[in-house]
Amino acid sequence: MPKGCQVFLAHVNTKEAEGKSEKKQLENVPIVRDFPKVFPQDLPGLPPTRQVVFQIDLIPGAAPVAQAPYRLAPSEMKELLEQLKELSDKGFIRPSSLPWGASVLFVKKKDGSFSDVYRLSRIK
């Protein structure tokens, strides 16, 4: 692979069967293990601006999602603020005043961590 080229890896897992406790880690994927310098532990931020213009074509007549925010428990609010700060620091997100947005709904996973569910991602 030529130096300076960008490489992307997608790893798809099947849904775990009930009762299985073995958690799959990206580090256990053979290609990731064989080339650790190619796959950083943490993403540095968004990729540089490309010459190709990207846009998302909305469904004609689709209205912005308007919904009151969910109430969050103090632990959920703390988690939300930490995730937003981390994503903002990495440059993945930025403040916006656009009418489109996504509510955050945290679901507690078995291991005690939170997973968020996005209503905006269900728009087709």
C-alpha atoms as a PDB file:
ATOM      1  CA  MET A   1       0.000   0.000   0.000  1.00  0.00           C
ATOM      2  CA  PRO A   2       1.521   3.375  -0.972  1.00  0.00           C
ATOM      3  CA  LYS A   3       2.501   5.700   1.871  1.00  0.00           C
ATOM      4  CA  GLY A   4      -0.089   8.390   2.586  1.00  0.00           C
ATOM      5  CA  CYS A   5      -3.056   6.387   1.280  1.00  0.00           C
ATOM      6  CA  GLN A   6      -6.107   6.154   3.498  1.00  0.00           C
ATOM      7  CA  VAL A   7      -7.537   2.752   4.293  1.00  0.00           C
ATOM      8  CA  PHE A   8     -10.946   2.005   5.756  1.00  0.00           C
ATOM      9  CA  LEU A   9     -11.966  -1.198   7.516  1.00  0.00           C
ATOM     10  CA  ALA A  10     -15.521  -2.284   8.218  1.00  0.00           C
ATOM     11  CA  HIS A  11     -16.036  -5.169  10.601  1.00  0.00           C
ATOM     12  CA  VAL A  12     -19.542  -6.630  10.838  1.00  0.00           C
ATOM     13  CA  ASN A  13     -20.521  -8.988  13.628  1.00  0.00           C
ATOM     14  CA  THR A  14     -23.617 -11.132  13.879  1.00  0.00           C
ATOM     15  CA  LYS A  15     -25.873 -10.623  16.865  1.00  0.00           C
ATOM     16  CA  GLU A  16     -24.554 -12.461  19.907  1.00  0.00           C
ATOM     17  CA  ALA A  17     -26.502 -15.487  21.020  1.00  0.00           C
ATOM     18  CA  GLU A  18     -28.135 -15.420  24.456  1.00  0.00           C
ATOM     19  CA  GLY A  19     -25.805 -16.508  27.232  1.00  0.00           C
ATOM     20  CA  LYS A  20     -22.576 -15.881  25.339  1.00  0.00           C
ATOM     21  CA  SER A  21     -20.224 -13.757  27.390  1.00  0.00           C
ATOM     22  CA  GLU A  22     -17.360 -13.579  24.893  1.00  0.00           C
ATOM     23  CA  LYS A  23     -17.148  -9.989  23.689  1.00  0.00           C
ATOM     24  CA  LYS A  24     -15.579  -9.429  20.278  1.00  0.00           C
ATOM     25  CA  GLN A  25     -12.912  -6.756  20.162  1.00  0.00           C
ATOM     26  CA  LEU A  26     -11.598  -4.980  17.083  1.00  0.00           C
ATOM     27  CA  GLU A  27      -8.075  -5.854  18.238  1.00  0.00           C
ATOM     28  CA  ASN A  28      -8.901  -9.552  17.716  1.00  0.00           C
ATOM     29  CA  VAL A  29      -9.560  -9.091  13.983  1.00  0.00           C
ATOM     30  CA  PRO A  30      -6.551 -10.674  12.211  1.00  0.00           C
ATOM     31  CA  ILE A  31      -5.929  -7.810   9.757  1.00  0.00           C
ATOM     32  CA  VAL A  32      -6.015  -5.235  12.572  1.00  0.00           C
ATOM     33  CA  ARG A  33      -3.670  -7.342  14.687  1.00  0.00           C
ATOM     34  CA  ASP A  34      -1.254  -7.845  11.749  1.00  0.00           C
ATOM     35  CA  PHE A  35      -1.051  -4.123  10.878  1.00  0.00           C
ATOM     36  CA  PRO A  36      -1.313  -2.144  14.145  1.00  0.00           C
ATOM     37  CA  LYS A  37       0.323   0.990  12.681  1.00  0.00           C
ATOM     38  CA  VAL A  38      -2.447   1.303  10.073  1.00  0.00           C
ATOM     39  CA  PHE A  39      -5.325   1.227  12.589  1.00  0.00           C
ATOM     40  CA  PRO A  40      -4.959   3.862  15.342  1.00  0.00           C
ATOM     41  CA  GLN A  41      -6.452   3.225  18.777  1.00  0.00           C
ATOM     42  CA  ASP A  42      -8.336   6.515  18.605  1.00  0.00           C
ATOM     43  CA  LEU A  43      -9.533   8.449  15.578  1.00  0.00           C
ATOM     44  CA  PRO A  44      -7.821  11.855  15.267  1.00  0.00           C
ATOM     45  CA  GLY A  45     -10.871  13.654  13.864  1.00  0.00           C
ATOM     46  CA  LEU A  46     -12.768  14.064  10.638  1.00  0.00           C
ATOM     47  CA  PRO A  47     -10.929  13.396   7.381  1.00  0.00           C
ATOM     48  CA  PRO A  48      -9.737  16.398   5.350  1.00  0.00           C
ATOM     49  CA  THR A  49     -12.094  18.196   2.971  1.00  0.00           C
ATOM     50  CA  ARG A  50     -12.435  16.348  -0.331  1.00  0.00           C
ATOM     51  CA  GLN A  51     -12.915  17.618  -3.861  1.00  0.00           C
ATOM     52  CA  VAL A  52     -16.134  15.603  -4.128  1.00  0.00           C
ATOM     53  CA  VAL A  53     -19.231  17.468  -2.920  1.00  0.00           C
ATOM     54  CA  PHE A  54     -21.399  15.368  -0.610  1.00  0.00           C
ATOM     55  CA  GLN A  55     -25.012  16.066   0.171  1.00  0.00           C
ATOM     56  CA  ILE A  56     -27.938  14.211   1.643  1.00  0.00           C
ATOM     57  CA  ASP A  57     -31.045  14.520  -0.506  1.00  0.00           C
ATOM     58  CA  LEU A  58     -34.066  14.810   1.744  1.00  0.00           C
ATOM     59  CA  ILE A  59     -37.447  13.360   0.994  1.00  0.00           C
ATOM     60  CA  PRO A  60     -39.531  16.093  -0.696  1.00  0.00           C
ATOM     61  CA  GLY A  61     -41.723  17.782   1.887  1.00  0.00           C
ATOM     62  CA  ALA A  62     -39.922  16.202   4.850  1.00  0.00           C
ATOM     63  CA  ALA A  63     -40.218  18.436   7.901  1.00  0.00           C
ATOM     64  CA  PRO A  64     -37.525  18.821  10.549  1.00  0.00           C
ATOM     65  CA  VAL A  65     -37.948  16.588  13.574  1.00  0.00           C
ATOM     66  CA  ALA A  66     -39.545  18.657  16.331  1.00  0.00           C
ATOM     67  CA  GLN A  67     -39.697  16.940  19.679  1.00  0.00           C
ATOM     68  CA  ALA A  68     -39.218  18.071  23.254  1.00  0.00           C
ATOM     69  CA  PRO A  69     -36.003  16.704  24.771  1.00  0.00           C
ATOM     70  CA  TYR A  70     -36.261  13.656  26.986  1.00  0.00           C
ATOM     71  CA  ARG A  71     -35.693  14.157  30.687  1.00  0.00           C
ATOM     72  CA  LEU A  72     -32.345  12.752  31.695  1.00  0.00           C
ATOM     73  CA  ALA A  73     -31.262  11.366  35.042  1.00  0.00           C
ATOM     74  CA  PRO A  74     -28.145  13.051  36.483  1.00  0.00           C
ATOM     75  CA  SER A  75     -26.003  10.063  35.442  1.00  0.00           C
ATOM     76  CA  GLU A  76     -27.396  10.254  31.891  1.00  0.00           C
ATOM     77  CA  MET A  77     -26.822  14.025  31.708  1.00  0.00           C
ATOM     78  CA  LYS A  78     -23.233  13.515  32.868  1.00  0.00           C
ATOM     79  CA  GLU A  79     -22.715  10.828  30.199  1.00  0.00           C
ATOM     80  CA  LEU A  80     -24.271  13.077  27.529  1.00  0.00           C
ATOM     81  CA  LEU A  81     -22.018  16.018  28.420  1.00  0.00           C
ATOM     82  CA  GLU A  82     -18.928  13.773  28.404  1.00  0.00           C
ATOM     83  CA  GLN A  83     -19.814  12.295  24.996  1.00  0.00           C
ATOM     84  CA  LEU A  84     -20.587  15.712  23.496  1.00  0.00           C
ATOM     85  CA  LYS A  85     -17.314  17.158  24.817  1.00  0.00           C
ATOM     86  CA  GLU A  86     -15.312  14.209  23.483  1.00  0.00           C
ATOM     87  CA  LEU A  87     -16.948  14.385  20.044  1.00  0.00           C
ATOM     88  CA  SER A  88     -16.544  18.175  19.925  1.00  0.00           C
ATOM     89  CA  ASP A  89     -12.875  18.000  20.993  1.00  0.00           C
ATOM     90  CA  LYS A  90     -12.193  15.498  18.197  1.00  0.00           C
ATOM     91  CA  GLY A  91     -13.957  17.710  15.668  1.00  0.00           C
ATOM     92  CA  PHE A  92     -16.666  15.139  14.897  1.00  0.00           C
ATOM     93  CA  ILE A  93     -19.465  17.533  15.885  1.00  0.00           C
ATOM     94  CA  ARG A  94     -19.876  21.295  16.212  1.00  0.00           C
ATOM     95  CA  PRO A  95     -22.559  23.634  17.541  1.00  0.00           C
ATOM     96  CA  SER A  96     -25.442  24.152  15.151  1.00  0.00           C
ATOM     97  CA  SER A  97     -28.640  26.181  15.014  1.00  0.00           C
ATOM     98  CA  LEU A  98     -30.179  24.229  12.131  1.00  0.00           C
ATOM     99  CA  PRO A  99     -33.786  23.019  12.503  1.00  0.00           C
ATOM    100  CA  TRP A 100     -32.723  19.373  12.069  1.00  0.00           C
ATOM    101  CA  GLY A 101     -31.434  17.609  15.128  1.00  0.00           C
ATOM    102  CA  ALA A 102     -31.494  14.392  17.052  1.00  0.00           C
ATOM    103  CA  SER A 103     -32.844  13.740  20.507  1.00  0.00           C
ATOM    104  CA  VAL A 104     -30.746  11.573  22.745  1.00  0.00           C
ATOM    105  CA  LEU A 105     -32.277   8.599  24.498  1.00  0.00           C
ATOM    106  CA  PHE A 106     -29.893   6.580  26.628  1.00  0.00           C
ATOM    107  CA  VAL A 107     -30.440   2.887  27.206  1.00  0.00           C
ATOM    108  CA  LYS A 108     -28.367   1.233  29.912  1.00  0.00           C
ATOM    109  CA  LYS A 109     -26.501  -1.838  28.644  1.00  0.00           C
ATOM    110  CA  LYS A 110     -25.840  -4.991  30.665  1.00  0.00           C
ATOM    111  CA  ASP A 111     -22.273  -3.868  31.415  1.00  0.00           C
ATOM    112  CA  GLY A 112     -23.552  -0.601  32.950  1.00  0.00           C
ATOM    113  CA  SER A 113     -22.488   1.667  30.086  1.00  0.00           C
ATOM    114  CA  PHE A 114     -24.984   3.698  28.064  1.00  0.00           C
ATOM    115  CA  SER A 115     -26.064   3.348  24.465  1.00  0.00           C
ATOM    116  CA  ASP A 116     -28.009   6.102  22.749  1.00  0.00           C
ATOM    117  CA  VAL A 117     -30.921   5.679  20.365  1.00  0.00           C
ATOM    118  CA  TYR A 118     -31.443   8.318  17.672  1.00  0.00           C
ATOM    119  CA  ARG A 119     -34.883   9.174  16.346  1.00  0.00           C
ATOM    120  CA  LEU A 120     -33.329  11.094  13.437  1.00  0.00           C
ATOM    121  CA  SER A 121     -31.635   7.948  12.114  1.00  0.00           C
ATOM    122  CA  ARG A 122     -35.034   6.323  11.579  1.00  0.00           C
ATOM    123  CA  ILE A 123     -36.121   8.900   8.987  1.00  0.00           C
ATOM    124  CA  LYS A 124     -36.348   7.282   5.585  1.00  0.00           C
END
